[in-house]
């Protein structure tokens, strides 16, 4: 056992509780940094397209490199956390993540842009893996649910990053370079104030470079894949649905995803209390039913209020899927946490990468309405997988 393990019996209970609270606060901070940095990258995308003079197809391949970079480092991150601890991995990855973000505001060469985007994605994957390993360990030590609120802080960081970028660039008239520099400085200051409370260890076991999911972890990975696929599809295709299927103006294309995201943030911020009151099973099953009703409203409702209500219900129903099943990784005994989290996260990222493209093929072969009906049908598979997982955990 690591001497600073939050469950070390040699640590007095009062001191242990203090360390748990400090680690929880630091967890909020690093989740916020991840979301803030990702949102600060979004305004640079059109800037890169213009500066590099590339077409939409090349830009799409460049953005695909973000996911590729993440997939490369996901399997290694659990091993790194086991060898060097979450603190070292998170500080290193977050620092490189920040400087790479600023580099992307300066780059004017396509080959260099590809390298930086791959590195940016690689750091994002490392951060995502290690913060979830750390969150699972902290939740076990706290003896209460914290995962939903932890995940909410990534969303809060995303909303904050998007909001302040818009203010700095559109209201104050700052250049993209200066806006990104300020964002990077904020990230580094928050990292400086919180890094000492990150966990200096990364779970039990030595960790494996490529841990093959097995047992209940396979089911957890499949549920995560569906959840991430659905989130990615809503992000990329909700605006297309509004314009293609409902004939809304292009200026309103982003409003559906904004409603969906706001619902997820609201529910995740209150999710831990809801789960403790209602139980994980009720939350998952009720969430799937709400999301299914939401999809029915999206597909069938001609009125805008009902349409937006549908997107809101889908966000509510999907919000706690990832927090609930990530929490369950801390209780399963099939694999160490630092092997289970990268394995499940890798399957989730595959959903993010493949899902929107697969929906695109469906739209081309059938229609956008049929593609959303397919997303609704995935909820039935999610319920069956959840039932199998809960049975194994009994």
Protein backbone atom coordinates (compact mmCIF):
# COMPACT_ATOMS: atom_id res chain seq x y z
CA UNK A 1 0.00 0.00 0.00
CA UNK A 2 1.30 3.47 -0.90
CA UNK A 3 2.04 5.49 2.27
CA UNK A 4 -0.24 8.30 1.05
CA UNK A 5 -3.09 5.94 0.11
CA UNK A 6 -6.36 7.56 1.20
CA UNK A 7 -7.41 4.24 2.75
CA UNK A 8 -4.13 3.69 4.63
CA UNK A 9 -5.11 2.64 8.20
CA UNK A 10 -1.94 4.30 9.53
CA UNK A 11 -3.43 7.73 8.73
CA UNK A 12 -5.64 9.17 11.54
CA UNK A 13 -9.29 9.38 10.49
CA UNK A 14 -9.48 13.17 10.77
CA UNK A 15 -6.38 13.58 8.61
CA UNK A 16 -7.70 10.99 6.16
CA UNK A 17 -10.99 12.87 5.75
CA UNK A 18 -9.06 16.11 5.19
CA UNK A 19 -7.00 14.44 2.46
CA UNK A 20 -10.10 13.01 0.83
CA UNK A 21 -11.76 16.46 0.71
CA UNK A 22 -8.59 18.05 -0.68
CA UNK A 23 -8.28 15.32 -3.32
CA UNK A 24 -11.95 15.79 -4.25
CA UNK A 25 -11.45 19.54 -4.72
CA UNK A 26 -8.35 18.88 -6.82
CA UNK A 27 -10.38 16.41 -8.87
CA UNK A 28 -12.93 19.11 -9.64
CA UNK A 29 -10.06 21.38 -10.71
CA UNK A 30 -8.45 18.93 -13.14
CA UNK A 31 -11.82 17.98 -14.65
CA UNK A 32 -12.46 21.71 -15.13
CA UNK A 33 -9.05 22.16 -16.78
CA UNK A 34 -9.80 19.35 -19.23
CA UNK A 35 -13.16 20.81 -20.25
CA UNK A 36 -11.85 24.38 -20.35
CA UNK A 37 -8.91 23.44 -22.56
CA UNK A 38 -11.07 21.42 -24.93
CA UNK A 39 -13.53 24.31 -25.30
CA UNK A 40 -10.66 26.76 -25.85
CA UNK A 41 -9.54 24.62 -28.79
CA UNK A 42 -12.89 25.00 -30.61
CA UNK A 43 -12.41 28.71 -31.63
CA UNK A 44 -9.02 27.82 -33.13
CA UNK A 45 -10.52 25.37 -35.64
CA UNK A 46 -11.83 27.97 -38.14
CA UNK A 47 -8.62 29.95 -37.58
CA UNK A 48 -6.54 26.91 -38.57
CA UNK A 49 -8.69 26.31 -41.64
CA UNK A 50 -8.09 29.87 -42.81
CA UNK A 51 -4.41 30.07 -41.88
CA UNK A 52 -3.51 26.70 -43.40
CA UNK A 53 -5.74 27.32 -46.46
CA UNK A 54 -7.21 23.81 -46.33
CA UNK A 55 -10.56 22.47 -47.54
CA UNK A 56 -13.27 20.90 -45.39
CA UNK A 57 -12.10 17.36 -46.13
CA UNK A 58 -8.56 18.10 -44.95
CA UNK A 59 -9.93 19.90 -41.91
CA UNK A 60 -12.02 16.83 -41.07
CA UNK A 61 -8.94 14.61 -41.24
CA UNK A 62 -7.06 17.08 -39.07
CA UNK A 63 -9.82 16.97 -36.44
CA UNK A 64 -9.86 13.17 -36.67
CA UNK A 65 -6.23 13.31 -35.47
CA UNK A 66 -7.46 14.53 -32.07
CA UNK A 67 -9.30 11.25 -31.50
CA UNK A 68 -6.42 9.22 -32.95
CA UNK A 69 -3.97 10.86 -30.56
CA UNK A 70 -6.26 10.09 -27.64
CA UNK A 71 -6.64 6.44 -28.63
CA UNK A 72 -2.87 6.05 -28.82
CA UNK A 73 -2.26 7.16 -25.24
CA UNK A 74 -5.35 5.71 -23.55
CA UNK A 75 -3.86 2.21 -23.08
CA UNK A 76 -0.54 3.61 -21.84
CA UNK A 77 -2.06 6.00 -19.31
CA UNK A 78 -3.19 3.31 -16.88
CA UNK A 79 0.31 1.79 -16.89
CA UNK A 80 1.83 5.24 -16.39
CA UNK A 81 -0.53 5.98 -13.48
CA UNK A 82 0.43 2.66 -11.84
CA UNK A 83 4.16 3.31 -12.30
CA UNK A 84 4.41 7.01 -11.49
CA UNK A 85 1.08 7.93 -9.88
CA UNK A 86 -1.80 10.06 -11.12
CA UNK A 87 -0.12 13.29 -9.97
CA UNK A 88 2.94 13.01 -12.21
CA UNK A 89 0.95 11.87 -15.23
CA UNK A 90 -1.72 14.55 -14.83
CA UNK A 91 0.73 17.41 -14.24
CA UNK A 92 2.87 16.36 -17.20
CA UNK A 93 -0.06 15.79 -19.56
CA UNK A 94 -1.92 18.95 -18.49
CA UNK A 95 1.20 21.11 -18.89
CA UNK A 96 1.93 19.77 -22.38
CA UNK A 97 -1.79 20.04 -23.18
CA UNK A 98 -1.71 23.74 -22.28
CA UNK A 99 1.44 24.61 -24.25
CA UNK A 100 0.20 22.59 -27.23
CA UNK A 101 -3.06 24.54 -27.17
CA UNK A 102 -1.10 27.78 -27.41
CA UNK A 103 1.06 26.29 -30.17
CA UNK A 104 -2.09 25.57 -32.17
CA UNK A 105 -2.93 29.29 -32.08
CA UNK A 106 0.41 30.01 -33.76
CA UNK A 107 1.00 27.17 -36.22
CA UNK A 108 0.99 27.96 -39.94
CA UNK A 109 2.34 24.70 -41.39
CA UNK A 110 0.06 21.72 -42.06
CA UNK A 111 2.61 19.02 -41.09
CA UNK A 112 3.36 20.84 -37.84
CA UNK A 113 -0.37 21.31 -37.23
CA UNK A 114 -0.91 17.56 -37.62
CA UNK A 115 1.85 16.86 -35.08
CA UNK A 116 0.43 19.37 -32.61
CA UNK A 117 -3.14 18.11 -32.99
CA UNK A 118 -1.98 14.52 -32.43
CA UNK A 119 -0.08 15.64 -29.32
CA UNK A 120 -3.09 17.64 -28.13
CA UNK A 121 -5.31 14.58 -28.48
CA UNK A 122 -2.72 12.37 -26.81
CA UNK A 123 -2.60 14.64 -23.77
CA UNK A 124 -6.39 14.83 -23.70
CA UNK A 125 -6.57 11.02 -23.63
CA UNK A 126 -4.02 10.79 -20.81
CA UNK A 127 -5.85 13.40 -18.76
CA UNK A 128 -9.22 11.75 -19.34
CA UNK A 129 -7.92 8.34 -18.26
CA UNK A 130 -6.04 9.49 -15.17
CA UNK A 131 -8.72 11.82 -13.85
CA UNK A 132 -11.21 8.95 -13.99
CA UNK A 133 -8.77 6.56 -12.28
CA UNK A 134 -8.25 9.22 -9.61
CA UNK A 135 -12.01 9.87 -9.30
CA UNK A 136 -12.75 6.17 -8.78
CA UNK A 137 -10.08 5.92 -6.06
CA UNK A 138 -11.31 9.09 -4.30
CA UNK A 139 -14.91 7.87 -4.42
CA UNK A 140 -13.89 4.59 -2.79
CA UNK A 141 -12.06 6.48 -0.04
CA UNK A 142 -14.90 8.97 0.48
CA UNK A 143 -17.46 6.16 0.93
CA UNK A 144 -20.00 8.25 -0.98
CA UNK A 145 -20.82 8.96 -4.60
CA UNK A 146 -18.88 11.82 -6.21
CA UNK A 147 -18.45 10.68 -9.83
CA UNK A 148 -21.42 12.54 -11.28
CA UNK A 149 -20.32 15.90 -9.88
CA UNK A 150 -16.74 15.21 -10.96
CA UNK A 151 -17.95 14.65 -14.54
CA UNK A 152 -20.06 17.82 -14.27
CA UNK A 153 -16.95 19.93 -13.76
CA UNK A 154 -15.66 18.91 -17.21
CA UNK A 155 -18.92 20.30 -18.62
CA UNK A 156 -18.62 23.43 -16.46
CA UNK A 157 -15.10 23.92 -17.80
CA UNK A 158 -16.42 23.50 -21.32
CA UNK A 159 -19.20 26.04 -20.85
CA UNK A 160 -16.80 28.48 -19.18
CA UNK A 161 -14.15 28.06 -21.86
CA UNK A 162 -16.63 28.60 -24.65
CA UNK A 163 -18.17 31.60 -22.89
CA UNK A 164 -15.00 33.47 -22.02
CA UNK A 165 -13.50 32.79 -25.47
CA UNK A 166 -16.55 34.42 -27.02
CA UNK A 167 -16.29 37.38 -24.65
CA UNK A 168 -12.56 37.86 -25.18
CA UNK A 169 -12.70 37.58 -28.96
CA UNK A 170 -16.12 39.01 -29.91
CA UNK A 171 -16.84 41.52 -27.14
CA UNK A 172 -13.36 42.71 -26.16
CA UNK A 173 -11.93 42.24 -29.64
CA UNK A 174 -8.87 40.29 -28.53
CA UNK A 175 -6.95 38.29 -31.11
CA UNK A 176 -7.13 34.50 -31.10
CA UNK A 177 -3.50 34.41 -29.98
CA UNK A 178 -4.06 36.67 -26.98
CA UNK A 179 -7.34 34.95 -26.09
CA UNK A 180 -5.64 31.54 -26.14
CA UNK A 181 -2.70 32.87 -24.14
CA UNK A 182 -5.04 34.09 -21.39
CA UNK A 183 -6.88 30.75 -21.41
CA UNK A 184 -3.59 28.86 -21.10
CA UNK A 185 -2.47 31.11 -18.25
CA UNK A 186 -5.74 30.41 -16.40
CA UNK A 187 -5.26 26.66 -16.86
CA UNK A 188 -1.68 26.76 -15.59
CA UNK A 189 -2.65 28.84 -12.54
CA UNK A 190 -5.41 26.38 -11.63
CA UNK A 191 -3.02 23.48 -12.17
CA UNK A 192 -0.43 25.18 -9.95
CA UNK A 193 -2.98 25.65 -7.18
CA UNK A 194 -4.30 22.08 -7.24
CA UNK A 195 -1.51 19.72 -8.32
CA UNK A 196 -0.21 18.96 -4.81
CA UNK A 197 -3.54 17.32 -3.95
CA UNK A 198 -3.58 14.94 -6.91
CA UNK A 199 -3.03 11.33 -5.89
CA UNK A 200 0.66 10.32 -5.93
CA UNK A 201 -0.30 6.73 -6.76
CA UNK A 202 -2.55 5.16 -9.39
CA UNK A 203 -4.34 2.14 -7.97
CA UNK A 204 -3.37 -1.42 -7.20
CA UNK A 205 -1.34 -3.63 -9.50
CA UNK A 206 1.38 -2.79 -11.98
CA UNK A 207 -0.96 -1.95 -14.83
CA UNK A 208 -0.70 -3.27 -18.38
CA UNK A 209 0.01 -1.41 -21.59
CA UNK A 210 -2.86 -3.12 -23.38
CA UNK A 211 -5.30 -4.50 -20.82
CA UNK A 212 -7.90 -6.62 -22.59
CA UNK A 213 -11.31 -6.02 -21.00
CA UNK A 214 -12.85 -9.13 -19.52
CA UNK A 215 -15.87 -10.15 -17.51
CA UNK A 216 -18.14 -7.33 -16.40
CA UNK A 217 -15.61 -4.78 -17.72
CA UNK A 218 -16.58 -5.79 -21.28
CA UNK A 219 -20.20 -4.94 -20.49
CA UNK A 220 -19.16 -1.64 -18.88
CA UNK A 221 -17.16 -0.83 -21.99
CA UNK A 222 -20.10 -1.57 -24.30
CA UNK A 223 -22.41 0.67 -22.26
CA UNK A 224 -19.78 3.42 -22.33
CA UNK A 225 -19.38 2.99 -26.10
CA UNK A 226 -23.13 3.49 -26.58
CA UNK A 227 -23.19 6.48 -24.21
CA UNK A 228 -20.24 8.19 -25.93
CA UNK A 229 -21.63 7.36 -29.38
CA UNK A 230 -24.91 9.01 -28.41
CA UNK A 231 -23.21 12.11 -27.03
CA UNK A 232 -21.02 12.42 -30.12
CA UNK A 233 -24.00 11.96 -32.43
CA UNK A 234 -25.99 14.62 -30.58
CA UNK A 235 -23.07 17.02 -30.82
CA UNK A 236 -22.48 16.48 -34.54
CA UNK A 237 -25.99 15.75 -35.86
CA UNK A 238 -28.53 17.60 -33.69
CA UNK A 239 -27.97 20.80 -35.66
CA UNK A 240 -28.30 18.90 -38.94
CA UNK A 241 -31.60 17.45 -37.70
CA UNK A 242 -32.98 20.93 -36.94
CA UNK A 243 -32.06 22.28 -40.36
CA UNK A 244 -32.78 19.19 -42.51
CA UNK A 245 -35.80 17.63 -40.81
CA UNK A 246 -37.43 20.72 -39.27
CA UNK A 247 -36.30 23.43 -41.67
CA UNK A 248 -34.89 25.78 -39.02
CA UNK A 249 -32.47 28.54 -39.94
CA UNK A 250 -28.79 27.68 -39.88
CA UNK A 251 -28.25 30.25 -37.11
CA UNK A 252 -30.32 28.02 -34.78
CA UNK A 253 -28.38 24.84 -35.55
CA UNK A 254 -26.44 24.88 -32.28
CA UNK A 255 -29.43 25.41 -30.02
CA UNK A 256 -30.41 21.72 -29.79
CA UNK A 257 -26.99 20.65 -28.58
CA UNK A 258 -26.97 23.58 -26.14
CA UNK A 259 -30.25 22.33 -24.63
CA UNK A 260 -28.94 18.75 -24.53
CA UNK A 261 -25.67 19.87 -22.86
CA UNK A 262 -27.44 22.09 -20.33
CA UNK A 263 -29.66 19.18 -19.29
CA UNK A 264 -26.63 16.90 -18.87
CA UNK A 265 -24.80 19.51 -16.80
CA UNK A 266 -27.81 20.14 -14.54
CA UNK A 267 -28.41 16.44 -13.89
CA UNK A 268 -24.72 15.61 -13.39
CA UNK A 269 -24.30 18.39 -10.88
CA UNK A 270 -27.14 16.95 -8.80
CA UNK A 271 -26.67 13.36 -9.90
CA UNK A 272 -24.81 11.97 -6.89
CA UNK A 273 -27.62 12.98 -4.51
CA UNK A 274 -30.25 11.57 -6.90
CA UNK A 275 -28.37 8.27 -7.22
CA UNK A 276 -27.99 7.94 -3.45
CA UNK A 277 -31.72 8.61 -2.99
CA UNK A 278 -33.12 6.53 -5.86
CA UNK A 279 -30.38 3.97 -6.46
CA UNK A 280 -28.27 3.28 -9.52
CA UNK A 281 -30.74 0.90 -11.16
CA UNK A 282 -33.66 3.30 -11.03
CA UNK A 283 -31.51 6.14 -12.33
CA UNK A 284 -30.29 4.10 -15.32
CA UNK A 285 -33.64 2.53 -16.18
CA UNK A 286 -35.63 5.74 -15.66
CA UNK A 287 -32.99 7.67 -17.60
CA UNK A 288 -33.26 5.30 -20.55
CA UNK A 289 -37.06 5.67 -20.55
CA UNK A 290 -36.81 9.47 -20.42
CA UNK A 291 -34.25 9.50 -23.23
CA UNK A 292 -36.48 7.22 -25.33
CA UNK A 293 -39.45 9.55 -24.79
CA UNK A 294 -37.17 12.43 -25.72
CA UNK A 295 -36.22 10.76 -29.00
CA UNK A 296 -39.91 10.13 -29.76
CA UNK A 297 -40.59 13.83 -29.22
CA UNK A 298 -37.66 14.79 -31.47
CA UNK A 299 -38.77 12.44 -34.24
CA UNK A 300 -42.54 13.02 -34.07
CA UNK A 301 -43.17 16.49 -32.59
CA UNK A 302 -43.77 19.25 -35.14
CA UNK A 303 -43.87 22.05 -32.54
CA UNK A 304 -40.59 23.65 -31.46
CA UNK A 305 -41.32 23.59 -27.70
CA UNK A 306 -41.88 19.81 -27.82
CA UNK A 307 -38.83 19.40 -30.05
CA UNK A 308 -36.55 21.17 -27.57
CA UNK A 309 -38.23 19.31 -24.71
CA UNK A 310 -37.15 16.13 -26.48
CA UNK A 311 -33.51 17.20 -26.63
CA UNK A 312 -33.70 18.18 -22.96
CA UNK A 313 -35.11 14.76 -21.98
CA UNK A 314 -32.42 12.96 -23.96
CA UNK A 315 -29.79 14.98 -22.07
CA UNK A 316 -31.44 14.18 -18.74
CA UNK A 317 -31.65 10.49 -19.57
CA UNK A 318 -28.07 10.17 -20.79
CA UNK A 319 -26.41 12.31 -18.11
CA UNK A 320 -25.73 9.72 -15.44
CA UNK A 321 -24.90 6.70 -17.58
CA UNK A 322 -21.15 7.32 -17.64
CA UNK A 323 -20.84 8.41 -13.95
CA UNK A 324 -22.81 5.37 -12.71
CA UNK A 325 -20.86 2.80 -14.66
CA UNK A 326 -17.48 4.48 -14.05
CA UNK A 327 -18.28 4.28 -10.33
CA UNK A 328 -18.98 0.56 -10.73
CA UNK A 329 -15.43 0.07 -12.02
CA UNK A 330 -14.26 0.79 -8.50
CA UNK A 331 -16.35 -2.09 -7.13
CA UNK A 332 -15.69 -4.80 -9.72
CA UNK A 333 -12.96 -7.29 -8.85
CA UNK A 334 -12.16 -8.62 -12.33
CA UNK A 335 -9.51 -6.02 -13.19
CA UNK A 336 -7.51 -3.37 -11.27
CA UNK A 337 -8.90 0.14 -11.64
CA UNK A 338 -5.83 1.37 -13.54
CA UNK A 339 -6.45 -1.35 -16.15
CA UNK A 340 -10.26 -1.24 -16.25
CA UNK A 341 -10.55 2.53 -16.76
CA UNK A 342 -8.26 2.71 -19.85
CA UNK A 343 -9.94 -0.37 -21.34
CA UNK A 344 -13.43 1.07 -20.89
CA UNK A 345 -12.34 4.58 -21.96
CA UNK A 346 -10.82 3.17 -25.15
CA UNK A 347 -14.14 1.56 -26.04
CA UNK A 348 -15.89 4.85 -25.24
CA UNK A 349 -13.56 6.82 -27.50
CA UNK A 350 -14.23 4.34 -30.30
CA UNK A 351 -17.89 5.29 -29.92
CA UNK A 352 -16.99 8.98 -30.18
CA UNK A 353 -14.89 8.40 -33.30
CA UNK A 354 -17.05 5.91 -35.14
CA UNK A 355 -20.52 6.99 -34.01
CA UNK A 356 -20.93 10.31 -35.85
CA UNK A 357 -19.45 8.78 -39.02
CA UNK A 358 -21.80 5.78 -38.80
CA UNK A 359 -24.76 8.11 -38.31
CA UNK A 360 -23.58 9.93 -41.43
CA UNK A 361 -23.74 6.71 -43.43
CA UNK A 362 -27.25 6.06 -42.09
CA UNK A 363 -28.37 9.56 -43.04
CA UNK A 364 -27.01 9.07 -46.55
CA UNK A 365 -28.61 5.62 -46.92
CA UNK A 366 -31.97 6.45 -45.29
CA UNK A 367 -32.77 9.79 -43.64
CA UNK A 368 -31.84 11.91 -40.64
CA UNK A 369 -35.11 10.87 -38.94
CA UNK A 370 -34.29 7.19 -39.37
CA UNK A 371 -30.80 7.81 -37.99
CA UNK A 372 -32.30 9.32 -34.83
CA UNK A 373 -34.66 6.36 -34.60
CA UNK A 374 -31.56 4.14 -34.63
CA UNK A 375 -30.13 6.14 -31.70
CA UNK A 376 -33.37 5.56 -29.81
CA UNK A 377 -33.10 1.81 -30.44
CA UNK A 378 -29.64 1.79 -28.85
CA UNK A 379 -31.33 2.63 -25.55
CA UNK A 380 -32.93 -0.82 -25.56
CA UNK A 381 -29.48 -2.40 -25.89
CA UNK A 382 -28.25 -0.13 -23.11
CA UNK A 383 -31.02 -1.37 -20.79
CA UNK A 384 -30.18 -5.01 -21.53
CA UNK A 385 -26.47 -4.43 -20.86
CA UNK A 386 -27.29 -2.54 -17.66
CA UNK A 387 -29.50 -5.41 -16.50
CA UNK A 388 -26.65 -7.88 -17.08
CA UNK A 389 -24.17 -5.65 -15.23
CA UNK A 390 -26.43 -5.16 -12.21
CA UNK A 391 -27.07 -8.90 -12.03
CA UNK A 392 -23.34 -9.60 -11.94
CA UNK A 393 -22.83 -6.97 -9.23
CA UNK A 394 -25.52 -8.42 -6.93
